[in-house]
Each structure stands twice: as C-alpha cells, then as structure tokens.
Amino acid sequence: MKIKEKEFEEILQELKSLSAQLGAEVRFEKGDFKGGYCLLKENKVIVINKMANLQRKVMILSMALKELGIDQIYLTPKIREIIEEMSEVK
C-alpha cells in the first residue's frame, strides 16, 4: 500500500487512539533508541523516539500494536493493512 506523506499524521493519530483502547500509553521521548512496547510497573507503555520521522513513528507504533494483539478487536481494513505492512518492515 502506498501512503502519502500527509496521511502519516492522520494514521499516527488513529494508531494512538487504538493504543488507548488497548490500555497502552503512547509516549514520545528524546533519546538514543528506536522505541517499542514495554511494561513499566504493570502499565503498558509504547515509547517512540520523538526525533524519528512520521513514517518511522507509524512503523514503531504498528509493531507495538501487533505485539499487544489486535486480532480480537475491530479495525478498519485500511488500518489493519497498514499495521500488517508496517510491522513487517524493519
């Protein structure tokens, strides 16, 4: 699927709200790391490097959501396809 650059911001917002539905907090932090899903004192947290470009942020969030488990919830076909594609790219 080809995604236009201006669509990434909208996709990022949709993925952030999906994370909230799954009970995971999304945090954008500065540092020397790529990011991903972790547990912090029993809280689900997805940490993303705030210096990464939009495409990279969507990719990291997609991988984290896939790890959290999205099979049992309804997603629009477009969002499901984006998560599947982005989580495969390394």
PDB file of N, CA and C in Angstrom:
ATOM      1  N   MET A   1       0.842  -1.180   0.000  1.00  0.00           N
ATOM      2  CA  MET A   1       0.000   0.000   0.000  1.00  0.00           C
ATOM      3  C   MET A   1       0.887   1.243   0.000  1.00  0.00           C
ATOM      4  N   LYS A   2       0.598   2.149  -0.887  1.00  0.00           N
ATOM      5  CA  LYS A   2       1.351   3.393  -0.977  1.00  0.00           C
ATOM      6  C   LYS A   2       0.648   4.442  -0.123  1.00  0.00           C
ATOM      7  N   ILE A   3       1.387   5.022   0.811  1.00  0.00           N
ATOM      8  CA  ILE A   3       0.823   6.021   1.709  1.00  0.00           C
ATOM      9  C   ILE A   3       1.475   7.362   1.415  1.00  0.00           C
ATOM     10  N   LYS A   4       0.641   8.370   1.247  1.00  0.00           N
ATOM     11  CA  LYS A   4       1.157   9.710   1.006  1.00  0.00           C
ATOM     12  C   LYS A   4       1.700  10.280   2.308  1.00  0.00           C
ATOM     13  N   GLU A   5       2.705  11.141   2.185  1.00  0.00           N
ATOM     14  CA  GLU A   5       3.365  11.709   3.359  1.00  0.00           C
ATOM     15  C   GLU A   5       2.374  12.419   4.289  1.00  0.00           C
ATOM     16  N   LYS A   6       1.427  13.145   3.715  1.00  0.00           N
ATOM     17  CA  LYS A   6       0.486  13.893   4.559  1.00  0.00           C
ATOM     18  C   LYS A   6      -0.501  12.981   5.289  1.00  0.00           C
ATOM     19  N   GLU A   7      -0.638  11.730   4.852  1.00  0.00           N
ATOM     20  CA  GLU A   7      -1.543  10.786   5.514  1.00  0.00           C
ATOM     21  C   GLU A   7      -0.942  10.209   6.803  1.00  0.00           C
ATOM     22  N   PHE A   8       0.372  10.261   6.938  1.00  0.00           N
ATOM     23  CA  PHE A   8       1.017   9.643   8.096  1.00  0.00           C
ATOM     24  C   PHE A   8       0.572  10.265   9.414  1.00  0.00           C
ATOM     25  N   GLU A   9       0.349  11.576   9.443  1.00  0.00           N
ATOM     26  CA  GLU A   9      -0.087  12.238  10.684  1.00  0.00           C
ATOM     27  C   GLU A   9      -1.457  11.714  11.111  1.00  0.00           C
ATOM     28  N   GLU A  10      -2.377  11.579  10.153  1.00  0.00           N
ATOM     29  CA  GLU A  10      -3.708  11.060  10.441  1.00  0.00           C
ATOM     30  C   GLU A  10      -3.634   9.601  10.907  1.00  0.00           C
ATOM     31  N   ILE A  11      -2.809   8.811  10.253  1.00  0.00           N
ATOM     32  CA  ILE A  11      -2.632   7.407  10.633  1.00  0.00           C
ATOM     33  C   ILE A  11      -2.051   7.308  12.036  1.00  0.00           C
ATOM     34  N   LEU A  12      -1.065   8.160  12.332  1.00  0.00           N
ATOM     35  CA  LEU A  12      -0.451   8.165  13.658  1.00  0.00           C
ATOM     36  C   LEU A  12      -1.499   8.442  14.730  1.00  0.00           C
ATOM     37  N   GLN A  13      -2.394   9.398  14.478  1.00  0.00           N
ATOM     38  CA  GLN A  13      -3.448   9.718  15.448  1.00  0.00           C
ATOM     39  C   GLN A  13      -4.394   8.526  15.644  1.00  0.00           C
ATOM     40  N   GLU A  14      -4.747   7.864  14.551  1.00  0.00           N
ATOM     41  CA  GLU A  14      -5.627   6.688  14.653  1.00  0.00           C
ATOM     42  C   GLU A  14      -4.961   5.575  15.456  1.00  0.00           C
ATOM     43  N   LEU A  15      -3.669   5.361  15.213  1.00  0.00           N
ATOM     44  CA  LEU A  15      -2.950   4.311  15.943  1.00  0.00           C
ATOM     45  C   LEU A  15      -2.815   4.667  17.421  1.00  0.00           C
ATOM     46  N   LYS A  16      -2.645   5.952  17.719  1.00  0.00           N
ATOM     47  CA  LYS A  16      -2.570   6.384  19.122  1.00  0.00           C
ATOM     48  C   LYS A  16      -3.891   6.130  19.839  1.00  0.00           C
ATOM     49  N   SER A  17      -5.017   6.399  19.176  1.00  0.00           N
ATOM     50  CA  SER A  17      -6.303   6.152  19.824  1.00  0.00           C
ATOM     51  C   SER A  17      -6.550   4.649  19.968  1.00  0.00           C
ATOM     52  N   LEU A  18      -6.073   3.875  19.014  1.00  0.00           N
ATOM     53  CA  LEU A  18      -6.165   2.413  19.109  1.00  0.00           C
ATOM     54  C   LEU A  18      -5.357   1.908  20.308  1.00  0.00           C
ATOM     55  N   SER A  19      -4.197   2.500  20.517  1.00  0.00           N
ATOM     56  CA  SER A  19      -3.364   2.135  21.667  1.00  0.00           C
ATOM     57  C   SER A  19      -4.107   2.391  22.972  1.00  0.00           C
ATOM     58  N   ALA A  20      -4.785   3.526  23.046  1.00  0.00           N
ATOM     59  CA  ALA A  20      -5.555   3.854  24.250  1.00  0.00           C
ATOM     60  C   ALA A  20      -6.652   2.826  24.484  1.00  0.00           C
ATOM     61  N   GLN A  21      -7.315   2.368  23.403  1.00  0.00           N
ATOM     62  CA  GLN A  21      -8.350   1.338  23.530  1.00  0.00           C
ATOM     63  C   GLN A  21      -7.774   0.047  24.107  1.00  0.00           C
ATOM     64  N   LEU A  22      -6.526  -0.224  23.758  1.00  0.00           N
ATOM     65  CA  LEU A  22      -5.869  -1.441  24.249  1.00  0.00           C
ATOM     66  C   LEU A  22      -5.228  -1.234  25.620  1.00  0.00           C
ATOM     67  N   GLY A  23      -5.377  -0.040  26.176  1.00  0.00           N
ATOM     68  CA  GLY A  23      -4.852   0.241  27.507  1.00  0.00           C
ATOM     69  C   GLY A  23      -3.366   0.544  27.540  1.00  0.00           C
ATOM     70  N   ALA A  24      -2.816   0.985  26.428  1.00  0.00           N
ATOM     71  CA  ALA A  24      -1.388   1.297  26.367  1.00  0.00           C
ATOM     72  C   ALA A  24      -1.193   2.806  26.209  1.00  0.00           C
ATOM     73  N   GLU A  25      -0.293   3.342  26.999  1.00  0.00           N
ATOM     74  CA  GLU A  25       0.057   4.756  26.910  1.00  0.00           C
ATOM     75  C   GLU A  25       1.139   4.933  25.849  1.00  0.00           C
ATOM     76  N   VAL A  26       0.990   5.923  24.979  1.00  0.00           N
ATOM     77  CA  VAL A  26       2.000   6.213  23.966  1.00  0.00           C
ATOM     78  C   VAL A  26       2.781   7.433  24.435  1.00  0.00           C
ATOM     79  N   ARG A  27       4.107   7.277  24.517  1.00  0.00           N
ATOM     80  CA  ARG A  27       4.970   8.381  24.952  1.00  0.00           C
ATOM     81  C   ARG A  27       6.020   8.665  23.898  1.00  0.00           C
ATOM     82  N   PHE A  28       6.196   9.938  23.600  1.00  0.00           N
ATOM     83  CA  PHE A  28       7.230  10.380  22.675  1.00  0.00           C
ATOM     84  C   PHE A  28       8.342  11.000  23.503  1.00  0.00           C
ATOM     85  N   GLU A  29       9.516  10.382  23.472  1.00  0.00           N
ATOM     86  CA  GLU A  29      10.643  10.806  24.303  1.00  0.00           C
ATOM     87  C   GLU A  29      11.874  11.029  23.438  1.00  0.00           C
ATOM     88  N   LYS A  30      12.795  11.842  23.956  1.00  0.00           N
ATOM     89  CA  LYS A  30      14.079  12.045  23.281  1.00  0.00           C
ATOM     90  C   LYS A  30      15.078  11.035  23.825  1.00  0.00           C
ATOM     91  N   GLY A  31      15.977  10.602  22.963  1.00  0.00           N
ATOM     92  CA  GLY A  31      16.996   9.672  23.416  1.00  0.00           C
ATOM     93  C   GLY A  31      17.604   8.901  22.264  1.00  0.00           C
ATOM     94  N   ASP A  32      18.525   8.035  22.611  1.00  0.00           N
ATOM     95  CA  ASP A  32      19.223   7.219  21.619  1.00  0.00           C
ATOM     96  C   ASP A  32      18.596   5.821  21.597  1.00  0.00           C
ATOM     97  N   PHE A  33      17.391   5.720  21.066  1.00  0.00           N
ATOM     98  CA  PHE A  33      16.679   4.447  20.999  1.00  0.00           C
ATOM     99  C   PHE A  33      15.694   4.504  19.843  1.00  0.00           C
ATOM    100  N   LYS A  34      15.221   3.340  19.429  1.00  0.00           N
ATOM    101  CA  LYS A  34      14.234   3.274  18.347  1.00  0.00           C
ATOM    102  C   LYS A  34      12.822   3.363  18.903  1.00  0.00           C
ATOM    103  N   GLY A  35      12.557   2.596  19.939  1.00  0.00           N
ATOM    104  CA  GLY A  35      11.235   2.602  20.554  1.00  0.00           C
ATOM    105  C   GLY A  35      10.575   1.252  20.462  1.00  0.00           C
ATOM    106  N   GLY A  36       9.420   1.151  21.115  1.00  0.00           N
ATOM    107  CA  GLY A  36       8.667  -0.085  21.096  1.00  0.00           C
ATOM    108  C   GLY A  36       7.778  -0.216  22.317  1.00  0.00           C
ATOM    109  N   TYR A  37       7.226  -1.407  22.475  1.00  0.00           N
ATOM    110  CA  TYR A  37       6.287  -1.720  23.555  1.00  0.00           C
ATOM    111  C   TYR A  37       7.037  -2.275  24.757  1.00  0.00           C
ATOM    112  N   CYS A  38       6.623  -1.840  25.956  1.00  0.00           N
ATOM    113  CA  CYS A  38       7.206  -2.400  27.174  1.00  0.00           C
ATOM    114  C   CYS A  38       6.195  -2.302  28.311  1.00  0.00           C
ATOM    115  N   LEU A  39       6.487  -3.003  29.378  1.00  0.00           N
ATOM    116  CA  LEU A  39       5.695  -2.902  30.598  1.00  0.00           C
ATOM    117  C   LEU A  39       6.494  -2.094  31.605  1.00  0.00           C
ATOM    118  N   LEU A  40       5.852  -1.108  32.197  1.00  0.00           N
ATOM    119  CA  LEU A  40       6.503  -0.259  33.189  1.00  0.00           C
ATOM    120  C   LEU A  40       5.635  -0.276  34.432  1.00  0.00           C
ATOM    121  N   LYS A  41       6.075  -1.020  35.453  1.00  0.00           N
ATOM    122  CA  LYS A  41       5.289  -1.192  36.679  1.00  0.00           C
ATOM    123  C   LYS A  41       3.855  -1.608  36.362  1.00  0.00           C
ATOM    124  N   GLU A  42       3.712  -2.647  35.566  1.00  0.00           N
ATOM    125  CA  GLU A  42       2.435  -3.240  35.178  1.00  0.00           C
ATOM    126  C   GLU A  42       1.615  -2.368  34.230  1.00  0.00           C
ATOM    127  N   ASN A  43       2.131  -1.223  33.796  1.00  0.00           N
ATOM    128  CA  ASN A  43       1.446  -0.370  32.832  1.00  0.00           C
ATOM    129  C   ASN A  43       2.003  -0.636  31.436  1.00  0.00           C
ATOM    130  N   LYS A  44       1.109  -0.751  30.458  1.00  0.00           N
ATOM    131  CA  LYS A  44       1.535  -0.931  29.074  1.00  0.00           C
ATOM    132  C   LYS A  44       1.962   0.424  28.530  1.00  0.00           C
ATOM    133  N   VAL A  45       3.184   0.487  28.028  1.00  0.00           N
ATOM    134  CA  VAL A  45       3.721   1.742  27.506  1.00  0.00           C
ATOM    135  C   VAL A  45       4.361   1.484  26.144  1.00  0.00           C
ATOM    136  N   ILE A  46       4.083   2.363  25.209  1.00  0.00           N
ATOM    137  CA  ILE A  46       4.749   2.334  23.908  1.00  0.00           C
ATOM    138  C   ILE A  46       5.570   3.605  23.832  1.00  0.00           C
ATOM    139  N   VAL A  47       6.883   3.434  23.781  1.00  0.00           N
ATOM    140  CA  VAL A  47       7.788   4.577  23.748  1.00  0.00           C
ATOM    141  C   VAL A  47       8.291   4.747  22.319  1.00  0.00           C
ATOM    142  N   ILE A  48       8.205   5.973  21.827  1.00  0.00           N
ATOM    143  CA  ILE A  48       8.635   6.288  20.473  1.00  0.00           C
ATOM    144  C   ILE A  48       9.597   7.461  20.531  1.00  0.00           C
ATOM    145  N   ASN A  49      10.673   7.361  19.785  1.00  0.00           N
ATOM    146  CA  ASN A  49      11.650   8.449  19.739  1.00  0.00           C
ATOM    147  C   ASN A  49      11.008   9.646  19.041  1.00  0.00           C
ATOM    148  N   LYS A  50      10.912  10.766  19.756  1.00  0.00           N
ATOM    149  CA  LYS A  50      10.240  11.936  19.186  1.00  0.00           C
ATOM    150  C   LYS A  50      11.012  12.553  18.032  1.00  0.00           C
ATOM    151  N   MET A  51      12.287  12.179  17.870  1.00  0.00           N
ATOM    152  CA  MET A  51      13.096  12.722  16.782  1.00  0.00           C
ATOM    153  C   MET A  51      12.937  11.920  15.484  1.00  0.00           C
ATOM    154  N   ALA A  52      12.244  10.796  15.559  1.00  0.00           N
ATOM    155  CA  ALA A  52      12.035   9.964  14.363  1.00  0.00           C
ATOM    156  C   ALA A  52      11.063  10.656  13.410  1.00  0.00           C
ATOM    157  N   ASN A  53      11.164  10.319  12.121  1.00  0.00           N
ATOM    158  CA  ASN A  53      10.213  10.892  11.164  1.00  0.00           C
ATOM    159  C   ASN A  53       8.853  10.219  11.321  1.00  0.00           C
ATOM    160  N   LEU A  54       7.840  10.807  10.704  1.00  0.00           N
ATOM    161  CA  LEU A  54       6.468  10.299  10.853  1.00  0.00           C
ATOM    162  C   LEU A  54       6.332   8.844  10.422  1.00  0.00           C
ATOM    163  N   GLN A  55       6.953   8.487   9.321  1.00  0.00           N
ATOM    164  CA  GLN A  55       6.850   7.109   8.836  1.00  0.00           C
ATOM    165  C   GLN A  55       7.431   6.141   9.861  1.00  0.00           C
ATOM    166  N   ARG A  56       8.565   6.494  10.438  1.00  0.00           N
ATOM    167  CA  ARG A  56       9.202   5.640  11.450  1.00  0.00           C
ATOM    168  C   ARG A  56       8.319   5.527  12.699  1.00  0.00           C
ATOM    169  N   LYS A  57       7.686   6.630  13.097  1.00  0.00           N
ATOM    170  CA  LYS A  57       6.799   6.604  14.268  1.00  0.00           C
ATOM    171  C   LYS A  57       5.625   5.658  14.017  1.00  0.00           C
ATOM    172  N   VAL A  58       5.040   5.735  12.820  1.00  0.00           N
ATOM    173  CA  VAL A  58       3.926   4.844  12.464  1.00  0.00           C
ATOM    174  C   VAL A  58       4.400   3.393  12.461  1.00  0.00           C
ATOM    175  N   MET A  59       5.594   3.159  11.954  1.00  0.00           N
ATOM    176  CA  MET A  59       6.141   1.806  11.902  1.00  0.00           C
ATOM    177  C   MET A  59       6.337   1.237  13.315  1.00  0.00           C
ATOM    178  N   ILE A  60       6.913   2.011  14.203  1.00  0.00           N
ATOM    179  CA  ILE A  60       7.161   1.547  15.574  1.00  0.00           C
ATOM    180  C   ILE A  60       5.845   1.295  16.292  1.00  0.00           C
ATOM    181  N   LEU A  61       4.902   2.212  16.125  1.00  0.00           N
ATOM    182  CA  LEU A  61       3.603   2.053  16.767  1.00  0.00           C
ATOM    183  C   LEU A  61       2.867   0.832  16.208  1.00  0.00           C
ATOM    184  N   SER A  62       2.980   0.591  14.920  1.00  0.00           N
ATOM    185  CA  SER A  62       2.353  -0.590  14.301  1.00  0.00           C
ATOM    186  C   SER A  62       2.933  -1.880  14.870  1.00  0.00           C
ATOM    187  N   MET A  63       4.254  -1.941  14.991  1.00  0.00           N
ATOM    188  CA  MET A  63       4.896  -3.143  15.547  1.00  0.00           C
ATOM    189  C   MET A  63       4.463  -3.367  16.988  1.00  0.00           C
ATOM    190  N   ALA A  64       4.376  -2.291  17.766  1.00  0.00           N
ATOM    191  CA  ALA A  64       3.973  -2.408  19.166  1.00  0.00           C
ATOM    192  C   ALA A  64       2.524  -2.878  19.280  1.00  0.00           C
ATOM    193  N   LEU A  65       1.647  -2.348  18.440  1.00  0.00           N
ATOM    194  CA  LEU A  65       0.241  -2.757  18.473  1.00  0.00           C
ATOM    195  C   LEU A  65       0.095  -4.217  18.079  1.00  0.00           C
ATOM    196  N   LYS A  66       0.853  -4.639  17.109  1.00  0.00           N
ATOM    197  CA  LYS A  66       0.821  -6.046  16.694  1.00  0.00           C
ATOM    198  C   LYS A  66       1.262  -6.936  17.864  1.00  0.00           C
ATOM    199  N   GLU A  67       2.264  -6.483  18.588  1.00  0.00           N
ATOM    200  CA  GLU A  67       2.749  -7.233  19.753  1.00  0.00           C
ATOM    201  C   GLU A  67       1.693  -7.264  20.866  1.00  0.00           C
ATOM    202  N   LEU A  68       0.960  -6.174  21.021  1.00  0.00           N
ATOM    203  CA  LEU A  68      -0.097  -6.106  22.035  1.00  0.00           C
ATOM    204  C   LEU A  68      -1.261  -7.039  21.699  1.00  0.00           C
ATOM    205  N   GLY A  69      -1.487  -7.267  20.411  1.00  0.00           N
ATOM    206  CA  GLY A  69      -2.568  -8.159  19.990  1.00  0.00           C
ATOM    207  C   GLY A  69      -3.765  -7.389  19.479  1.00  0.00           C
ATOM    208  N   ILE A  70      -3.927  -7.352  18.177  1.00  0.00           N
ATOM    209  CA  ILE A  70      -5.030  -6.618  17.562  1.00  0.00           C
ATOM    210  C   ILE A  70      -6.031  -7.550  16.889  1.00  0.00           C
ATOM    211  N   ASP A  71      -5.827  -8.842  17.029  1.00  0.00           N
ATOM    212  CA  ASP A  71      -6.666  -9.809  16.321  1.00  0.00           C
ATOM    213  C   ASP A  71      -8.110  -9.821  16.815  1.00  0.00           C
ATOM    214  N   GLN A  72      -8.314  -9.516  18.083  1.00  0.00           N
ATOM    215  CA  GLN A  72      -9.645  -9.640  18.669  1.00  0.00           C
ATOM    216  C   GLN A  72     -10.468  -8.353  18.627  1.00  0.00           C
ATOM    217  N   ILE A  73      -9.936  -7.282  18.052  1.00  0.00           N
ATOM    218  CA  ILE A  73     -10.680  -6.029  18.015  1.00  0.00           C
ATOM    219  C   ILE A  73     -10.952  -5.617  16.574  1.00  0.00           C
ATOM    220  N   TYR A  74     -12.008  -4.818  16.401  1.00  0.00           N
ATOM    221  CA  TYR A  74     -12.349  -4.364  15.057  1.00  0.00           C
ATOM    222  C   TYR A  74     -11.430  -3.229  14.639  1.00  0.00           C
ATOM    223  N   LEU A  75     -10.885  -3.359  13.446  1.00  0.00           N
ATOM    224  CA  LEU A  75     -10.098  -2.298  12.831  1.00  0.00           C
ATOM    225  C   LEU A  75     -10.606  -2.117  11.418  1.00  0.00           C
ATOM    226  N   THR A  76     -10.543  -0.894  10.929  1.00  0.00           N
ATOM    227  CA  THR A  76     -10.905  -0.696   9.532  1.00  0.00           C
ATOM    228  C   THR A  76      -9.903  -1.475   8.690  1.00  0.00           C
ATOM    229  N   PRO A  77     -10.322  -1.968   7.546  1.00  0.00           N
ATOM    230  CA  PRO A  77      -9.394  -2.738   6.696  1.00  0.00           C
ATOM    231  C   PRO A  77      -8.115  -1.951   6.374  1.00  0.00           C
ATOM    232  N   LYS A  78      -8.235  -0.652   6.170  1.00  0.00           N
ATOM    233  CA  LYS A  78      -7.067   0.169   5.848  1.00  0.00           C
ATOM    234  C   LYS A  78      -6.056   0.174   7.000  1.00  0.00           C
ATOM    235  N   ILE A  79      -6.558   0.387   8.225  1.00  0.00           N
ATOM    236  CA  ILE A  79      -5.666   0.422   9.391  1.00  0.00           C
ATOM    237  C   ILE A  79      -5.052  -0.954   9.626  1.00  0.00           C
ATOM    238  N   ARG A  80      -5.834  -2.013   9.487  1.00  0.00           N
ATOM    239  CA  ARG A  80      -5.296  -3.363   9.674  1.00  0.00           C
ATOM    240  C   ARG A  80      -4.190  -3.641   8.655  1.00  0.00           C
ATOM    241  N   GLU A  81      -4.411  -3.229   7.404  1.00  0.00           N
ATOM    242  CA  GLU A  81      -3.406  -3.434   6.363  1.00  0.00           C
ATOM    243  C   GLU A  81      -2.141  -2.627   6.656  1.00  0.00           C
ATOM    244  N   ILE A  82      -2.315  -1.392   7.117  1.00  0.00           N
ATOM    245  CA  ILE A  82      -1.159  -0.560   7.460  1.00  0.00           C
ATOM    246  C   ILE A  82      -0.356  -1.208   8.580  1.00  0.00           C
ATOM    247  N   ILE A  83      -1.037  -1.680   9.623  1.00  0.00           N
ATOM    248  CA  ILE A  83      -0.345  -2.323  10.747  1.00  0.00           C
ATOM    249  C   ILE A  83       0.395  -3.567  10.265  1.00  0.00           C
ATOM    250  N   GLU A  84      -0.258  -4.373   9.454  1.00  0.00           N
ATOM    251  CA  GLU A  84       0.382  -5.591   8.937  1.00  0.00           C
ATOM    252  C   GLU A  84       1.633  -5.250   8.115  1.00  0.00           C
ATOM    253  N   GLU A  85       1.504  -4.296   7.190  1.00  0.00           N
ATOM    254  CA  GLU A  85       2.618  -3.939   6.331  1.00  0.00           C
ATOM    255  C   GLU A  85       3.760  -3.281   7.103  1.00  0.00           C
ATOM    256  N   MET A  86       3.404  -2.333   7.960  1.00  0.00           N
ATOM    257  CA  MET A  86       4.440  -1.572   8.680  1.00  0.00           C
ATOM    258  C   MET A  86       5.157  -2.441   9.709  1.00  0.00           C
ATOM    259  N   SER A  87       4.466  -3.403  10.292  1.00  0.00           N
ATOM    260  CA  SER A  87       5.120  -4.239  11.302  1.00  0.00           C
ATOM    261  C   SER A  87       6.065  -5.247  10.662  1.00  0.00           C
ATOM    262  N   GLU A  88       5.939  -5.469   9.358  1.00  0.00           N
ATOM    263  CA  GLU A  88       6.854  -6.380   8.659  1.00  0.00           C
ATOM    264  C   GLU A  88       8.138  -5.692   8.237  1.00  0.00           C
ATOM    265  N   VAL A  89       8.096  -4.379   8.062  1.00  0.00           N
ATOM    266  CA  VAL A  89       9.280  -3.612   7.637  1.00  0.00           C
ATOM    267  C   VAL A  89      10.174  -3.415   8.846  1.00  0.00           C
ATOM    268  N   LYS A  90      11.450  -3.637   8.650  1.00  0.00           N
ATOM    269  CA  LYS A  90      12.393  -3.453   9.777  1.00  0.00           C
ATOM    270  C   LYS A  90      13.296  -2.280   9.512  1.00  0.00           C
TER     271      LYS A  90
END
